[in-house]
Every structure is written in C-alpha cells, then in structure tokens.
Amino acid sequence: MPRQSRPIRNVIGSNLKRIRKSRGLTQAALAIRLHNAGWEISKKTVAAIESGSRRTVDRELILLADILEAKVSEFFPPFEEVRQLVSSPAFKRN
C-alpha cells in the first residue's frame, strides 16, 4: 500500500528549522526559550511546526522571530514556492 503523505499546515517549518540550527539551538532549547517567554510549548510542538504538520498563528511567528533574532520575512519561502505549496493537494486548508 503506498504511503500517504501528511497534510502540510504551514509554510514556515523548513525555514524555522534552518534558522534554529543556524543559531545552534536544539528543538528542546528553543522550546525552553519560548516557554520562558510565555508560550506553553514543547519540543514535540517545535518538531510539528518544523515538519509543517502544525499551524502557527501570527503572535507565535512574531515570538519565534523575536527569540531567534530573525525577521518574520526570513521564515517564508519565495512567493512562487508558497504558491505551489498551498495549491498542492497535501496542503491542509482547515
């Protein structure tokens, strides 16, 4: 039986992972920093965001950018890539 791909719920996951690693942080270390900033988050949730299986809301993205000392725009892939991603059957709209 062919493996079914997981639905994609965000477009920032791969860039979050890249930025986190460039800062020398593990998922657990990032979760601790975010938790200390007031976001009840676990390593498992960070992993889910990075894999694209968990949505993020604007305030979470702003906090991620703040903690990682990055611009919000750094989390988004180029527009054409986003367009292709959100029009793919794997992208979960709700």
C-alpha atoms as a PDB file:
ATOM      1  CA  MET A   1       0.000   0.000   0.000  1.00  0.00           C
ATOM      2  CA  PRO A   2       1.512   3.407  -0.954  1.00  0.00           C
ATOM      3  CA  ARG A   3       2.464   5.672   1.900  1.00  0.00           C
ATOM      4  CA  GLN A   4       0.112   8.623   2.246  1.00  0.00           C
ATOM      5  CA  SER A   5       1.834  11.959   2.780  1.00  0.00           C
ATOM      6  CA  ARG A   6       0.974  14.030   5.825  1.00  0.00           C
ATOM      7  CA  PRO A   7      -1.026  17.180   5.302  1.00  0.00           C
ATOM      8  CA  ILE A   8       1.001  20.391   5.317  1.00  0.00           C
ATOM      9  CA  ARG A   9      -0.391  23.071   7.604  1.00  0.00           C
ATOM     10  CA  ASN A  10       2.258  25.799   7.414  1.00  0.00           C
ATOM     11  CA  VAL A  11       4.852  27.147   5.009  1.00  0.00           C
ATOM     12  CA  ILE A  12       7.426  28.284   7.584  1.00  0.00           C
ATOM     13  CA  GLY A  13       8.527  24.935   9.007  1.00  0.00           C
ATOM     14  CA  SER A  14      11.629  24.279   6.933  1.00  0.00           C
ATOM     15  CA  ASN A  15      12.893  27.825   7.404  1.00  0.00           C
ATOM     16  CA  LEU A  16      12.221  27.671  11.146  1.00  0.00           C
ATOM     17  CA  LYS A  17      14.419  24.572  11.287  1.00  0.00           C
ATOM     18  CA  ARG A  18      17.148  26.256   9.224  1.00  0.00           C
ATOM     19  CA  ILE A  19      17.114  29.400  11.386  1.00  0.00           C
ATOM     20  CA  ARG A  20      17.036  27.420  14.638  1.00  0.00           C
ATOM     21  CA  LYS A  21      20.011  25.301  13.576  1.00  0.00           C
ATOM     22  CA  SER A  22      21.940  28.372  12.388  1.00  0.00           C
ATOM     23  CA  ARG A  23      21.577  29.732  15.928  1.00  0.00           C
ATOM     24  CA  GLY A  24      22.995  26.490  17.355  1.00  0.00           C
ATOM     25  CA  LEU A  25      19.763  25.554  19.127  1.00  0.00           C
ATOM     26  CA  THR A  26      18.127  22.182  19.518  1.00  0.00           C
ATOM     27  CA  GLN A  27      14.352  21.857  19.375  1.00  0.00           C
ATOM     28  CA  ALA A  28      14.374  21.389  23.151  1.00  0.00           C
ATOM     29  CA  ALA A  29      16.482  24.520  23.731  1.00  0.00           C
ATOM     30  CA  LEU A  30      14.181  26.581  21.511  1.00  0.00           C
ATOM     31  CA  ALA A  31      11.128  25.233  23.331  1.00  0.00           C
ATOM     32  CA  ILE A  32      12.652  26.260  26.672  1.00  0.00           C
ATOM     33  CA  ARG A  33      13.357  29.803  25.426  1.00  0.00           C
ATOM     34  CA  LEU A  34       9.837  30.109  24.033  1.00  0.00           C
ATOM     35  CA  HIS A  35       8.364  28.711  27.246  1.00  0.00           C
ATOM     36  CA  ASN A  36      10.344  31.244  29.286  1.00  0.00           C
ATOM     37  CA  ALA A  37       8.904  33.976  27.043  1.00  0.00           C
ATOM     38  CA  GLY A  38       5.361  32.866  27.889  1.00  0.00           C
ATOM     39  CA  TRP A  39       4.456  30.319  25.207  1.00  0.00           C
ATOM     40  CA  GLU A  40       3.434  26.934  26.603  1.00  0.00           C
ATOM     41  CA  ILE A  41       5.284  24.847  24.011  1.00  0.00           C
ATOM     42  CA  SER A  42       7.171  21.564  23.989  1.00  0.00           C
ATOM     43  CA  LYS A  43       9.958  20.085  21.880  1.00  0.00           C
ATOM     44  CA  LYS A  44       7.295  17.930  20.223  1.00  0.00           C
ATOM     45  CA  THR A  45       5.359  21.042  19.163  1.00  0.00           C
ATOM     46  CA  VAL A  46       8.509  22.670  17.765  1.00  0.00           C
ATOM     47  CA  ALA A  47       9.086  19.475  15.751  1.00  0.00           C
ATOM     48  CA  ALA A  48       5.475  19.567  14.496  1.00  0.00           C
ATOM     49  CA  ILE A  49       5.860  23.167  13.336  1.00  0.00           C
ATOM     50  CA  GLU A  50       9.147  22.363  11.605  1.00  0.00           C
ATOM     51  CA  SER A  51       7.616  19.372   9.823  1.00  0.00           C
ATOM     52  CA  GLY A  52       4.706  21.524   8.655  1.00  0.00           C
ATOM     53  CA  SER A  53       2.115  19.437  10.483  1.00  0.00           C
ATOM     54  CA  ARG A  54       1.114  22.180  12.961  1.00  0.00           C
ATOM     55  CA  ARG A  55      -0.211  25.604  12.085  1.00  0.00           C
ATOM     56  CA  THR A  56       1.248  28.746  13.569  1.00  0.00           C
ATOM     57  CA  VAL A  57      -0.583  31.959  14.285  1.00  0.00           C
ATOM     58  CA  ASP A  58       0.809  35.450  13.897  1.00  0.00           C
ATOM     59  CA  ARG A  59       1.701  36.001  17.548  1.00  0.00           C
ATOM     60  CA  GLU A  60       3.628  32.695  17.584  1.00  0.00           C
ATOM     61  CA  LEU A  61       5.564  33.670  14.459  1.00  0.00           C
ATOM     62  CA  ILE A  62       6.404  37.050  15.984  1.00  0.00           C
ATOM     63  CA  LEU A  63       7.660  35.360  19.162  1.00  0.00           C
ATOM     64  CA  LEU A  64       9.717  32.867  17.129  1.00  0.00           C
ATOM     65  CA  ALA A  65      11.297  35.761  15.232  1.00  0.00           C
ATOM     66  CA  ASP A  66      11.997  37.639  18.460  1.00  0.00           C
ATOM     67  CA  ILE A  67      13.553  34.670  20.266  1.00  0.00           C
ATOM     68  CA  LEU A  68      15.622  33.656  17.221  1.00  0.00           C
ATOM     69  CA  GLU A  69      16.573  37.279  16.461  1.00  0.00           C
ATOM     70  CA  ALA A  70      15.280  36.938  12.904  1.00  0.00           C
ATOM     71  CA  LYS A  71      12.983  38.925  10.664  1.00  0.00           C
ATOM     72  CA  VAL A  72       9.491  37.496  10.208  1.00  0.00           C
ATOM     73  CA  SER A  73      10.086  37.513   6.453  1.00  0.00           C
ATOM     74  CA  GLU A  74      13.016  35.093   6.887  1.00  0.00           C
ATOM     75  CA  PHE A  75      10.565  32.333   7.816  1.00  0.00           C
ATOM     76  CA  PHE A  76       8.736  32.463   4.474  1.00  0.00           C
ATOM     77  CA  PRO A  77       9.955  30.780   1.302  1.00  0.00           C
ATOM     78  CA  PRO A  78       9.875  32.704  -2.003  1.00  0.00           C
ATOM     79  CA  PHE A  79       6.369  33.569  -3.188  1.00  0.00           C
ATOM     80  CA  GLU A  80       6.319  31.120  -6.115  1.00  0.00           C
ATOM     81  CA  GLU A  81       7.275  28.286  -3.778  1.00  0.00           C
ATOM     82  CA  VAL A  82       4.467  29.271  -1.396  1.00  0.00           C
ATOM     83  CA  ARG A  83       2.013  29.428  -4.291  1.00  0.00           C
ATOM     84  CA  GLN A  84       2.937  25.900  -5.398  1.00  0.00           C
ATOM     85  CA  LEU A  85       2.782  24.582  -1.855  1.00  0.00           C
ATOM     86  CA  VAL A  86      -0.636  25.985  -0.985  1.00  0.00           C
ATOM     87  CA  SER A  87      -2.112  24.778  -4.277  1.00  0.00           C
ATOM     88  CA  SER A  88      -0.853  21.207  -3.748  1.00  0.00           C
ATOM     89  CA  PRO A  89      -3.289  18.504  -2.557  1.00  0.00           C
ATOM     90  CA  ALA A  90      -1.126  17.974   0.553  1.00  0.00           C
ATOM     91  CA  PHE A  91      -1.786  21.496   1.856  1.00  0.00           C
ATOM     92  CA  LYS A  92      -4.464  21.355   4.552  1.00  0.00           C
ATOM     93  CA  ARG A  93      -6.669  24.444   4.387  1.00  0.00           C
ATOM     94  CA  ASN A  94      -8.714  23.787   7.532  1.00  0.00           C
END
